[in-house]
């Protein structure tokens, strides 16, 4: 479909500090009435996406967005929809959805268009049905903004597990195990211990694809949440694994495109800044980072020289969050 026939819409993921997001039910008289969605609407010809977002939230909910982050951009083809008598109710159309995460606003949200609204936990909705385009969005919202990569080789076992406990107590919810220096036996013991510590906090533990367990096809023996593919393994991957969280390391547009084509759950883009682990690599910088993920449909973690204080900057440039190999453990 040509760009002229694509409807652009700004969508607000209005998120409270406790993680709950605001959903609205489409009222009678509108297409897909009775379905639930994130608030927003069509971007006018004279508006930027963020201007359209602010206007739509004011018109629909009576609130003024004061802080928002650019997030995902997804294109969705809505099929024709027929009523109970077989009459065409809504024609097919293609919509390009520009999602923003709204973190602060003025006013109390109200359904100004006679629509019901409800605060919901993305991982456990109590309202349905959702508009079809929103399923991947809910899954993306279950991903933490901070992602840690294990660093046993530098810290040593005693100090690493001491720091892991502190990080979990401080809210760490995603951990990637990347310790290719370990033997198969030692790797198994290490992962089991990480999982045991993470379980009470409901933190997700993923294995890097260069781990000895994945090479031997033994990953199912460990109760891990998913697999993180190296860039090299990503380019060889033909199908996204089923039933597990799947992410990948990316360094350029080609790798980002491959991850998107596979519909992975997230990517890491690096190196944003200079980093000890890849001292020979030229850092992207924030402007190039933003350019590479413009209009990107998957959640992106900024990696490379990241510190906890970089989270706001990363999200301002379109990232879902940050990934850290060193700063998270110090």
C-alpha atoms as a PDB file:
ATOM      1  CA  UNK A   1       0.000   0.000   0.000  1.00  0.00           C
ATOM      2  CA  UNK A   2       1.294   3.463  -0.867  1.00  0.00           C
ATOM      3  CA  UNK A   3       2.179   5.948   1.853  1.00  0.00           C
ATOM      4  CA  UNK A   4      -0.789   8.074   0.761  1.00  0.00           C
ATOM      5  CA  UNK A   5      -3.179   5.293   1.841  1.00  0.00           C
ATOM      6  CA  UNK A   6      -1.674   4.723   5.263  1.00  0.00           C
ATOM      7  CA  UNK A   7      -3.380   6.353   8.238  1.00  0.00           C
ATOM      8  CA  UNK A   8      -0.940   7.630  10.853  1.00  0.00           C
ATOM      9  CA  UNK A   9      -2.064   7.566  14.470  1.00  0.00           C
ATOM     10  CA  UNK A  10      -0.491   8.646  17.759  1.00  0.00           C
ATOM     11  CA  UNK A  11      -1.064   6.278  20.664  1.00  0.00           C
ATOM     12  CA  UNK A  12      -0.441   6.941  24.346  1.00  0.00           C
ATOM     13  CA  UNK A  13       0.655   4.211  26.743  1.00  0.00           C
ATOM     14  CA  UNK A  14      -0.274   6.124  29.895  1.00  0.00           C
ATOM     15  CA  UNK A  15       1.676   4.394  32.634  1.00  0.00           C
ATOM     16  CA  UNK A  16       1.497   4.852  36.393  1.00  0.00           C
ATOM     17  CA  UNK A  17       4.446   4.330  38.733  1.00  0.00           C
ATOM     18  CA  UNK A  18       3.075   0.880  39.670  1.00  0.00           C
ATOM     19  CA  UNK A  19       3.228  -0.241  36.017  1.00  0.00           C
ATOM     20  CA  UNK A  20      -0.499  -0.164  35.326  1.00  0.00           C
ATOM     21  CA  UNK A  21      -1.576   1.341  32.005  1.00  0.00           C
ATOM     22  CA  UNK A  22      -4.782   3.062  30.962  1.00  0.00           C
ATOM     23  CA  UNK A  23      -7.024   1.320  28.433  1.00  0.00           C
ATOM     24  CA  UNK A  24     -10.201   2.649  26.814  1.00  0.00           C
ATOM     25  CA  UNK A  25     -13.171   0.824  25.300  1.00  0.00           C
ATOM     26  CA  UNK A  26     -14.235   1.990  21.858  1.00  0.00           C
ATOM     27  CA  UNK A  27     -17.801   3.373  22.214  1.00  0.00           C
ATOM     28  CA  UNK A  28     -20.873   2.494  20.182  1.00  0.00           C
ATOM     29  CA  UNK A  29     -20.929   4.182  16.808  1.00  0.00           C
ATOM     30  CA  UNK A  30     -17.179   3.802  16.224  1.00  0.00           C
ATOM     31  CA  UNK A  31     -15.465   1.112  14.215  1.00  0.00           C
ATOM     32  CA  UNK A  32     -14.549  -1.904  16.358  1.00  0.00           C
ATOM     33  CA  UNK A  33     -16.975  -0.771  19.091  1.00  0.00           C
ATOM     34  CA  UNK A  34     -16.559  -2.735  22.315  1.00  0.00           C
ATOM     35  CA  UNK A  35     -12.878  -3.445  21.731  1.00  0.00           C
ATOM     36  CA  UNK A  36     -10.275  -2.108  24.151  1.00  0.00           C
ATOM     37  CA  UNK A  37      -7.275  -0.051  23.091  1.00  0.00           C
ATOM     38  CA  UNK A  38      -4.641   2.418  24.193  1.00  0.00           C
ATOM     39  CA  UNK A  39      -5.936   6.010  23.882  1.00  0.00           C
ATOM     40  CA  UNK A  40      -4.998   8.036  20.820  1.00  0.00           C
ATOM     41  CA  UNK A  41      -6.080   8.779  17.297  1.00  0.00           C
ATOM     42  CA  UNK A  42      -5.323  10.020  13.826  1.00  0.00           C
ATOM     43  CA  UNK A  43      -2.481  12.491  13.355  1.00  0.00           C
ATOM     44  CA  UNK A  44      -3.621  15.524  11.376  1.00  0.00           C
ATOM     45  CA  UNK A  45      -1.679  16.689   8.303  1.00  0.00           C
ATOM     46  CA  UNK A  46      -0.265  19.723  10.107  1.00  0.00           C
ATOM     47  CA  UNK A  47       0.838  17.802  13.222  1.00  0.00           C
ATOM     48  CA  UNK A  48       3.888  15.896  14.387  1.00  0.00           C
ATOM     49  CA  UNK A  49       3.167  12.575  16.132  1.00  0.00           C
ATOM     50  CA  UNK A  50       3.807  14.067  19.569  1.00  0.00           C
ATOM     51  CA  UNK A  51       1.511  17.026  18.818  1.00  0.00           C
ATOM     52  CA  UNK A  52      -1.184  14.603  17.699  1.00  0.00           C
ATOM     53  CA  UNK A  53      -0.711  12.606  20.889  1.00  0.00           C
ATOM     54  CA  UNK A  54      -1.178  15.631  23.145  1.00  0.00           C
ATOM     55  CA  UNK A  55      -4.286  16.795  21.286  1.00  0.00           C
ATOM     56  CA  UNK A  56      -5.877  13.332  21.289  1.00  0.00           C
ATOM     57  CA  UNK A  57      -5.295  12.787  25.000  1.00  0.00           C
ATOM     58  CA  UNK A  58      -6.799  16.198  25.756  1.00  0.00           C
ATOM     59  CA  UNK A  59      -9.862  15.496  23.597  1.00  0.00           C
ATOM     60  CA  UNK A  60     -10.416  11.893  24.718  1.00  0.00           C
ATOM     61  CA  UNK A  61      -9.380  11.991  28.369  1.00  0.00           C
ATOM     62  CA  UNK A  62      -9.079  15.628  29.400  1.00  0.00           C
ATOM     63  CA  UNK A  63      -5.439  15.276  30.410  1.00  0.00           C
ATOM     64  CA  UNK A  64      -2.304  17.151  29.334  1.00  0.00           C
ATOM     65  CA  UNK A  65       0.760  14.963  28.779  1.00  0.00           C
ATOM     66  CA  UNK A  66       3.756  16.642  30.432  1.00  0.00           C
ATOM     67  CA  UNK A  67       6.366  13.898  29.976  1.00  0.00           C
ATOM     68  CA  UNK A  68       6.436  11.234  27.281  1.00  0.00           C
ATOM     69  CA  UNK A  69       8.965   9.032  25.512  1.00  0.00           C
ATOM     70  CA  UNK A  70       8.879   7.955  21.846  1.00  0.00           C
ATOM     71  CA  UNK A  71       8.612   4.180  21.847  1.00  0.00           C
ATOM     72  CA  UNK A  72       7.529   1.701  19.155  1.00  0.00           C
ATOM     73  CA  UNK A  73       6.171   2.295  15.663  1.00  0.00           C
ATOM     74  CA  UNK A  74       4.065  -0.520  14.267  1.00  0.00           C
ATOM     75  CA  UNK A  75       2.145  -0.849  11.016  1.00  0.00           C
ATOM     76  CA  UNK A  76      -1.019  -2.919  11.188  1.00  0.00           C
ATOM     77  CA  UNK A  77      -3.423  -4.026   8.458  1.00  0.00           C
ATOM     78  CA  UNK A  78      -6.940  -4.051   9.871  1.00  0.00           C
ATOM     79  CA  UNK A  79      -9.102  -6.577   7.998  1.00  0.00           C
ATOM     80  CA  UNK A  80     -12.629  -5.939   6.784  1.00  0.00           C
ATOM     81  CA  UNK A  81     -15.142  -6.300   9.598  1.00  0.00           C
ATOM     82  CA  UNK A  82     -18.733  -7.429   9.088  1.00  0.00           C
ATOM     83  CA  UNK A  83     -21.750  -7.184  11.383  1.00  0.00           C
ATOM     84  CA  UNK A  84     -23.962 -10.106  12.459  1.00  0.00           C
ATOM     85  CA  UNK A  85     -26.003  -9.818   9.233  1.00  0.00           C
ATOM     86  CA  UNK A  86     -22.945 -10.033   7.016  1.00  0.00           C
ATOM     87  CA  UNK A  87     -22.941  -6.350   6.106  1.00  0.00           C
ATOM     88  CA  UNK A  88     -19.598  -4.626   5.759  1.00  0.00           C
ATOM     89  CA  UNK A  89     -19.171  -2.630   8.949  1.00  0.00           C
ATOM     90  CA  UNK A  90     -15.564  -1.435   8.611  1.00  0.00           C
ATOM     91  CA  UNK A  91     -13.447  -1.530   5.429  1.00  0.00           C
ATOM     92  CA  UNK A  92      -9.894  -2.833   5.501  1.00  0.00           C
ATOM     93  CA  UNK A  93      -7.220  -0.223   6.180  1.00  0.00           C
ATOM     94  CA  UNK A  94      -3.549   0.119   7.043  1.00  0.00           C
ATOM     95  CA  UNK A  95      -2.612   2.118  10.123  1.00  0.00           C
ATOM     96  CA  UNK A  96       0.862   3.229  11.196  1.00  0.00           C
ATOM     97  CA  UNK A  97       0.796   3.507  14.973  1.00  0.00           C
ATOM     98  CA  UNK A  98       3.304   5.799  16.700  1.00  0.00           C
ATOM     99  CA  UNK A  99       3.415   4.682  20.337  1.00  0.00           C
ATOM    100  CA  UNK A 100       4.550   6.949  23.172  1.00  0.00           C
ATOM    101  CA  UNK A 101       4.952   6.052  26.839  1.00  0.00           C
ATOM    102  CA  UNK A 102       3.369   8.846  28.873  1.00  0.00           C
ATOM    103  CA  UNK A 103       4.792   8.992  32.394  1.00  0.00           C
ATOM    104  CA  UNK A 104       3.407  12.269  33.780  1.00  0.00           C
ATOM    105  CA  UNK A 105       0.292  14.283  33.008  1.00  0.00           C
ATOM    106  CA  UNK A 106      -1.961  16.999  34.379  1.00  0.00           C
ATOM    107  CA  UNK A 107      -5.555  16.209  35.241  1.00  0.00           C
ATOM    108  CA  UNK A 108      -7.475  13.029  36.041  1.00  0.00           C
ATOM    109  CA  UNK A 109      -8.340  10.851  32.998  1.00  0.00           C
ATOM    110  CA  UNK A 110     -12.055  10.780  32.126  1.00  0.00           C
ATOM    111  CA  UNK A 111     -13.928   9.199  29.221  1.00  0.00           C
ATOM    112  CA  UNK A 112     -14.952  12.402  27.432  1.00  0.00           C
ATOM    113  CA  UNK A 113     -16.272  10.468  24.401  1.00  0.00           C
ATOM    114  CA  UNK A 114     -18.574   8.230  26.476  1.00  0.00           C
ATOM    115  CA  UNK A 115     -15.913   5.505  26.469  1.00  0.00           C
ATOM    116  CA  UNK A 116     -15.210   3.297  29.458  1.00  0.00           C
ATOM    117  CA  UNK A 117     -11.643   3.500  30.778  1.00  0.00           C
ATOM    118  CA  UNK A 118      -9.741   1.167  33.078  1.00  0.00           C
ATOM    119  CA  UNK A 119      -6.292   0.907  34.676  1.00  0.00           C
ATOM    120  CA  UNK A 120      -4.843  -2.494  33.859  1.00  0.00           C
ATOM    121  CA  UNK A 121      -1.737  -4.590  34.429  1.00  0.00           C
ATOM    122  CA  UNK A 122      -0.338  -5.441  30.953  1.00  0.00           C
ATOM    123  CA  UNK A 123       0.539  -9.011  31.946  1.00  0.00           C
ATOM    124  CA  UNK A 124      -2.907  -9.741  33.430  1.00  0.00           C
ATOM    125  CA  UNK A 125      -5.788  -7.893  31.759  1.00  0.00           C
ATOM    126  CA  UNK A 126      -9.295  -8.065  33.176  1.00  0.00           C
ATOM    127  CA  UNK A 127     -10.912  -6.440  30.121  1.00  0.00           C
ATOM    128  CA  UNK A 128     -11.390  -7.842  26.609  1.00  0.00           C
ATOM    129  CA  UNK A 129     -11.333  -8.075  23.666  1.00  0.00           C
ATOM    130  CA  UNK A 130      -8.284  -5.971  22.784  1.00  0.00           C
ATOM    131  CA  UNK A 131      -7.828  -4.462  19.341  1.00  0.00           C
ATOM    132  CA  UNK A 132      -5.665  -6.896  17.327  1.00  0.00           C
ATOM    133  CA  UNK A 133      -2.794  -4.427  16.902  1.00  0.00           C
ATOM    134  CA  UNK A 134      -2.174  -4.253  20.649  1.00  0.00           C
ATOM    135  CA  UNK A 135      -1.091  -7.831  21.480  1.00  0.00           C
ATOM    136  CA  UNK A 136       2.638  -7.206  20.793  1.00  0.00           C
ATOM    137  CA  UNK A 137       2.436  -3.945  22.741  1.00  0.00           C
ATOM    138  CA  UNK A 138       1.226  -5.680  25.874  1.00  0.00           C
ATOM    139  CA  UNK A 139       4.044  -8.218  25.582  1.00  0.00           C
ATOM    140  CA  UNK A 140       6.615  -5.442  25.143  1.00  0.00           C
ATOM    141  CA  UNK A 141       5.315  -3.684  28.260  1.00  0.00           C
ATOM    142  CA  UNK A 142       6.173  -6.788  30.305  1.00  0.00           C
ATOM    143  CA  UNK A 143       9.871  -6.190  29.593  1.00  0.00           C
ATOM    144  CA  UNK A 144      11.830  -4.302  32.237  1.00  0.00           C
ATOM    145  CA  UNK A 145      13.525  -0.998  31.382  1.00  0.00           C
ATOM    146  CA  UNK A 146      16.784  -2.306  32.870  1.00  0.00           C
ATOM    147  CA  UNK A 147      18.483  -5.475  31.588  1.00  0.00           C
ATOM    148  CA  UNK A 148      21.595  -6.920  33.251  1.00  0.00           C
ATOM    149  CA  UNK A 149      24.279  -9.104  31.667  1.00  0.00           C
ATOM    150  CA  UNK A 150      26.207 -11.350  34.058  1.00  0.00           C
ATOM    151  CA  UNK A 151      29.861 -10.560  34.646  1.00  0.00           C
ATOM    152  CA  UNK A 152      31.194 -13.479  36.654  1.00  0.00           C
ATOM    153  CA  UNK A 153      34.581 -13.423  34.918  1.00  0.00           C
ATOM    154  CA  UNK A 154      35.450  -9.971  36.278  1.00  0.00           C
ATOM    155  CA  UNK A 155      33.794 -10.083  39.689  1.00  0.00           C
ATOM    156  CA  UNK A 156      34.377 -13.636  40.811  1.00  0.00           C
ATOM    157  CA  UNK A 157      31.708 -15.905  42.272  1.00  0.00           C
ATOM    158  CA  UNK A 158      31.397 -14.509  45.798  1.00  0.00           C
ATOM    159  CA  UNK A 159      31.196 -10.860  44.791  1.00  0.00           C
ATOM    160  CA  UNK A 160      28.962 -11.512  41.781  1.00  0.00           C
ATOM    161  CA  UNK A 161      26.248 -13.254  43.798  1.00  0.00           C
ATOM    162  CA  UNK A 162      26.454 -10.610  46.501  1.00  0.00           C
ATOM    163  CA  UNK A 163      25.879  -7.911  43.864  1.00  0.00           C
ATOM    164  CA  UNK A 164      23.133  -9.958  42.154  1.00  0.00           C
ATOM    165  CA  UNK A 165      21.173 -10.126  45.412  1.00  0.00           C
ATOM    166  CA  UNK A 166      21.477  -6.361  45.858  1.00  0.00           C
ATOM    167  CA  UNK A 167      20.357  -5.732  42.260  1.00  0.00           C
ATOM    168  CA  UNK A 168      17.341  -8.036  42.643  1.00  0.00           C
ATOM    169  CA  UNK A 169      16.343  -6.312  45.870  1.00  0.00           C
ATOM    170  CA  UNK A 170      16.588  -2.999  44.007  1.00  0.00           C
ATOM    171  CA  UNK A 171      14.133  -4.181  41.333  1.00  0.00           C
ATOM    172  CA  UNK A 172      16.203  -5.940  38.643  1.00  0.00           C
ATOM    173  CA  UNK A 173      13.802  -8.052  36.526  1.00  0.00           C
ATOM    174  CA  UNK A 174      15.826  -9.240  33.492  1.00  0.00           C
ATOM    175  CA  UNK A 175      19.160 -11.060  33.510  1.00  0.00           C
ATOM    176  CA  UNK A 176      21.128 -12.487  30.600  1.00  0.00           C
ATOM    177  CA  UNK A 177      23.674 -15.192  31.409  1.00  0.00           C
ATOM    178  CA  UNK A 178      26.724 -14.763  29.174  1.00  0.00           C
ATOM    179  CA  UNK A 179      29.625 -16.771  30.579  1.00  0.00           C
ATOM    180  CA  UNK A 180      31.162 -18.696  27.662  1.00  0.00           C
ATOM    181  CA  UNK A 181      34.373 -19.271  29.620  1.00  0.00           C
ATOM    182  CA  UNK A 182      32.666 -21.830  31.878  1.00  0.00           C
ATOM    183  CA  UNK A 183      32.641 -25.570  31.330  1.00  0.00           C
ATOM    184  CA  UNK A 184      29.275 -27.239  30.748  1.00  0.00           C
ATOM    185  CA  UNK A 185      29.139 -28.476  34.344  1.00  0.00           C
ATOM    186  CA  UNK A 186      30.118 -25.128  35.865  1.00  0.00           C
ATOM    187  CA  UNK A 187      27.721 -23.295  33.535  1.00  0.00           C
ATOM    188  CA  UNK A 188      24.846 -25.522  34.653  1.00  0.00           C
ATOM    189  CA  UNK A 189      25.619 -24.875  38.328  1.00  0.00           C
ATOM    190  CA  UNK A 190      25.958 -21.132  37.745  1.00  0.00           C
ATOM    191  CA  UNK A 191      22.667 -20.801  35.861  1.00  0.00           C
ATOM    192  CA  UNK A 192      20.812 -22.898  38.417  1.00  0.00           C
ATOM    193  CA  UNK A 193      22.035 -20.613  41.183  1.00  0.00           C
ATOM    194  CA  UNK A 194      21.096 -17.445  39.263  1.00  0.00           C
ATOM    195  CA  UNK A 195      17.609 -18.822  38.593  1.00  0.00           C
ATOM    196  CA  UNK A 196      17.158 -19.867  42.233  1.00  0.00           C
ATOM    197  CA  UNK A 197      18.041 -16.341  43.387  1.00  0.00           C
ATOM    198  CA  UNK A 198      15.851 -14.698  40.716  1.00  0.00           C
ATOM    199  CA  UNK A 199      12.710 -16.803  41.275  1.00  0.00           C
ATOM    200  CA  UNK A 200      11.427 -15.077  44.459  1.00  0.00           C
ATOM    201  CA  UNK A 201      11.607 -11.742  42.626  1.00  0.00           C
ATOM    202  CA  UNK A 202       9.958 -13.158  39.464  1.00  0.00           C
ATOM    203  CA  UNK A 203      12.943 -11.921  37.446  1.00  0.00           C
ATOM    204  CA  UNK A 204      13.438 -13.357  33.960  1.00  0.00           C
ATOM    205  CA  UNK A 205      16.682 -15.239  33.233  1.00  0.00           C
ATOM    206  CA  UNK A 206      17.812 -15.681  29.620  1.00  0.00           C
ATOM    207  CA  UNK A 207      20.758 -17.567  28.121  1.00  0.00           C
ATOM    208  CA  UNK A 208      23.095 -16.087  25.541  1.00  0.00           C
ATOM    209  CA  UNK A 209      23.171 -18.213  22.392  1.00  0.00           C
ATOM    210  CA  UNK A 210      26.928 -18.824  22.658  1.00  0.00           C
ATOM    211  CA  UNK A 211      26.501 -20.659  25.960  1.00  0.00           C
ATOM    212  CA  UNK A 212      27.692 -24.284  26.122  1.00  0.00           C
ATOM    213  CA  UNK A 213      24.206 -25.485  26.991  1.00  0.00           C
ATOM    214  CA  UNK A 214      22.656 -24.109  23.838  1.00  0.00           C
ATOM    215  CA  UNK A 215      25.497 -25.482  21.724  1.00  0.00           C
ATOM    216  CA  UNK A 216      24.757 -28.949  23.109  1.00  0.00           C
ATOM    217  CA  UNK A 217      20.973 -28.573  22.832  1.00  0.00           C
ATOM    218  CA  UNK A 218      20.494 -28.884  26.588  1.00  0.00           C
ATOM    219  CA  UNK A 219      18.819 -25.545  27.358  1.00  0.00           C
ATOM    220  CA  UNK A 220      15.483 -27.226  28.123  1.00  0.00           C
ATOM    221  CA  UNK A 221      17.076 -28.785  31.202  1.00  0.00           C
ATOM    222  CA  UNK A 222      17.203 -25.330  32.736  1.00  0.00           C
ATOM    223  CA  UNK A 223      14.094 -23.319  33.577  1.00  0.00           C
ATOM    224  CA  UNK A 224      15.113 -20.209  31.640  1.00  0.00           C
ATOM    225  CA  UNK A 225      12.731 -17.567  30.316  1.00  0.00           C
ATOM    226  CA  UNK A 226      14.371 -17.260  26.914  1.00  0.00           C
ATOM    227  CA  UNK A 227      17.344 -16.986  24.591  1.00  0.00           C
ATOM    228  CA  UNK A 228      19.408 -13.985  23.583  1.00  0.00           C
ATOM    229  CA  UNK A 229      21.042 -14.474  20.177  1.00  0.00           C
ATOM    230  CA  UNK A 230      24.414 -13.037  19.264  1.00  0.00           C
ATOM    231  CA  UNK A 231      24.431 -10.977  16.066  1.00  0.00           C
ATOM    232  CA  UNK A 232      26.148 -13.852  14.268  1.00  0.00           C
ATOM    233  CA  UNK A 233      23.537 -16.366  15.418  1.00  0.00           C
ATOM    234  CA  UNK A 234      20.739 -13.917  14.608  1.00  0.00           C
ATOM    235  CA  UNK A 235      21.776 -13.772  10.952  1.00  0.00           C
ATOM    236  CA  UNK A 236      21.665 -17.595  10.776  1.00  0.00           C
ATOM    237  CA  UNK A 237      18.289 -17.843  12.505  1.00  0.00           C
ATOM    238  CA  UNK A 238      15.384 -18.866  10.273  1.00  0.00           C
ATOM    239  CA  UNK A 239      12.452 -19.014  12.705  1.00  0.00           C
ATOM    240  CA  UNK A 240      11.815 -17.441  16.084  1.00  0.00           C
ATOM    241  CA  UNK A 241      11.815 -20.109  18.833  1.00  0.00           C
ATOM    242  CA  UNK A 242       8.362 -20.878  20.192  1.00  0.00           C
ATOM    243  CA  UNK A 243       7.307 -20.539  23.785  1.00  0.00           C
ATOM    244  CA  UNK A 244      10.296 -18.533  25.026  1.00  0.00           C
ATOM    245  CA  UNK A 245      11.379 -14.914  25.128  1.00  0.00           C
ATOM    246  CA  UNK A 246      13.721 -14.215  22.203  1.00  0.00           C
ATOM    247  CA  UNK A 247      16.064 -11.265  21.731  1.00  0.00           C
ATOM    248  CA  UNK A 248      19.218 -10.466  19.803  1.00  0.00           C
ATOM    249  CA  UNK A 249      22.303  -8.267  19.681  1.00  0.00           C
ATOM    250  CA  UNK A 250      22.371  -5.809  16.772  1.00  0.00           C
ATOM    251  CA  UNK A 251      24.975  -3.344  15.555  1.00  0.00           C
ATOM    252  CA  UNK A 252      23.587  -2.096  12.230  1.00  0.00           C
ATOM    253  CA  UNK A 253      20.441  -1.702  10.138  1.00  0.00           C
ATOM    254  CA  UNK A 254      20.828  -5.115   8.494  1.00  0.00           C
ATOM    255  CA  UNK A 255      20.735  -6.923  11.823  1.00  0.00           C
ATOM    256  CA  UNK A 256      17.864  -4.769  13.073  1.00  0.00           C
ATOM    257  CA  UNK A 257      15.883  -5.625   9.944  1.00  0.00           C
ATOM    258  CA  UNK A 258      16.515  -9.356  10.410  1.00  0.00           C
ATOM    259  CA  UNK A 259      15.336  -9.253  14.030  1.00  0.00           C
ATOM    260  CA  UNK A 260      12.212  -7.371  12.975  1.00  0.00           C
ATOM    261  CA  UNK A 261      11.477  -9.859  10.180  1.00  0.00           C
ATOM    262  CA  UNK A 262      11.644 -12.692  12.725  1.00  0.00           C
ATOM    263  CA  UNK A 263       9.321 -10.777  15.105  1.00  0.00           C
ATOM    264  CA  UNK A 264      11.712 -11.168  18.021  1.00  0.00           C
ATOM    265  CA  UNK A 265      10.616  -9.827  21.389  1.00  0.00           C
ATOM    266  CA  UNK A 266      13.397  -7.229  21.726  1.00  0.00           C
ATOM    267  CA  UNK A 267      16.884  -6.270  20.534  1.00  0.00           C
ATOM    268  CA  UNK A 268      20.009  -4.733  22.043  1.00  0.00           C
ATOM    269  CA  UNK A 269      21.701  -2.075  19.886  1.00  0.00           C
ATOM    270  CA  UNK A 270      25.371  -1.384  20.563  1.00  0.00           C
ATOM    271  CA  UNK A 271      27.818   0.081  21.233  1.00  0.00           C
ATOM    272  CA  UNK A 272      26.185   3.402  21.996  1.00  0.00           C
ATOM    273  CA  UNK A 273      29.206   4.667  23.912  1.00  0.00           C
ATOM    274  CA  UNK A 274      32.794   3.466  24.246  1.00  0.00           C
ATOM    275  CA  UNK A 275      33.016   0.211  26.170  1.00  0.00           C
ATOM    276  CA  UNK A 276      35.815  -1.898  27.653  1.00  0.00           C
ATOM    277  CA  UNK A 277      34.437  -5.167  26.267  1.00  0.00           C
ATOM    278  CA  UNK A 278      34.564  -3.873  22.655  1.00  0.00           C
ATOM    279  CA  UNK A 279      37.260  -1.214  22.796  1.00  0.00           C
ATOM    280  CA  UNK A 280      37.958  -1.566  19.060  1.00  0.00           C
ATOM    281  CA  UNK A 281      34.372  -0.716  18.011  1.00  0.00           C
ATOM    282  CA  UNK A 282      33.370   2.807  17.011  1.00  0.00           C
ATOM    283  CA  UNK A 283      30.508   3.934  19.271  1.00  0.00           C
ATOM    284  CA  UNK A 284      27.244   4.877  17.570  1.00  0.00           C
ATOM    285  CA  UNK A 285      26.458   7.908  19.721  1.00  0.00           C
ATOM    286  CA  UNK A 286      22.910   8.860  20.630  1.00  0.00           C
ATOM    287  CA  UNK A 287      22.044  10.578  17.331  1.00  0.00           C
ATOM    288  CA  UNK A 288      22.974   7.520  15.247  1.00  0.00           C
ATOM    289  CA  UNK A 289      21.195   5.286  17.750  1.00  0.00           C
ATOM    290  CA  UNK A 290      17.987   7.282  17.309  1.00  0.00           C
ATOM    291  CA  UNK A 291      18.385   7.279  13.522  1.00  0.00           C
ATOM    292  CA  UNK A 292      18.794   3.489  13.369  1.00  0.00           C
ATOM    293  CA  UNK A 293      15.648   2.775  15.401  1.00  0.00           C
ATOM    294  CA  UNK A 294      13.394   5.451  13.908  1.00  0.00           C
ATOM    295  CA  UNK A 295      10.027   3.822  13.067  1.00  0.00           C
ATOM    296  CA  UNK A 296      11.236   0.524  14.569  1.00  0.00           C
ATOM    297  CA  UNK A 297       8.651  -1.975  15.784  1.00  0.00           C
ATOM    298  CA  UNK A 298      10.594  -3.895  18.450  1.00  0.00           C
ATOM    299  CA  UNK A 299      11.651  -2.759  21.930  1.00  0.00           C
ATOM    300  CA  UNK A 300      15.321  -1.688  21.840  1.00  0.00           C
ATOM    301  CA  UNK A 301      17.812  -1.729  24.700  1.00  0.00           C
ATOM    302  CA  UNK A 302      20.759   0.644  24.449  1.00  0.00           C
ATOM    303  CA  UNK A 303      23.999  -1.190  25.242  1.00  0.00           C
ATOM    304  CA  UNK A 304      27.615  -0.102  25.495  1.00  0.00           C
ATOM    305  CA  UNK A 305      29.018   2.090  28.258  1.00  0.00           C
ATOM    306  CA  UNK A 306      25.602   2.435  29.869  1.00  0.00           C
ATOM    307  CA  UNK A 307      25.070   3.664  33.418  1.00  0.00           C
ATOM    308  CA  UNK A 308      21.814   3.737  35.374  1.00  0.00           C
ATOM    309  CA  UNK A 309      21.751   7.499  34.876  1.00  0.00           C
ATOM    310  CA  UNK A 310      21.527   6.980  31.083  1.00  0.00           C
ATOM    311  CA  UNK A 311      17.993   5.552  31.229  1.00  0.00           C
ATOM    312  CA  UNK A 312      16.218   8.874  30.662  1.00  0.00           C
ATOM    313  CA  UNK A 313      18.529   9.775  27.752  1.00  0.00           C
ATOM    314  CA  UNK A 314      18.072   6.352  26.184  1.00  0.00           C
ATOM    315  CA  UNK A 315      14.271   6.528  26.372  1.00  0.00           C
ATOM    316  CA  UNK A 316      14.307  10.073  25.017  1.00  0.00           C
ATOM    317  CA  UNK A 317      16.068   8.660  21.931  1.00  0.00           C
ATOM    318  CA  UNK A 318      13.467   5.929  21.400  1.00  0.00           C
ATOM    319  CA  UNK A 319      14.913   3.095  23.495  1.00  0.00           C
ATOM    320  CA  UNK A 320      12.790   0.809  25.612  1.00  0.00           C
ATOM    321  CA  UNK A 321      15.556   0.787  28.200  1.00  0.00           C
ATOM    322  CA  UNK A 322      19.235   0.140  28.871  1.00  0.00           C
ATOM    323  CA  UNK A 323      21.358  -2.999  29.171  1.00  0.00           C
ATOM    324  CA  UNK A 324      24.443  -3.082  31.371  1.00  0.00           C
ATOM    325  CA  UNK A 325      27.378  -5.464  31.790  1.00  0.00           C
ATOM    326  CA  UNK A 326      29.323  -3.536  34.435  1.00  0.00           C
ATOM    327  CA  UNK A 327      27.531  -0.575  36.037  1.00  0.00           C
ATOM    328  CA  UNK A 328      24.596  -2.708  37.203  1.00  0.00           C
ATOM    329  CA  UNK A 329      26.956  -4.710  39.450  1.00  0.00           C
ATOM    330  CA  UNK A 330      28.699  -1.712  41.046  1.00  0.00           C
END
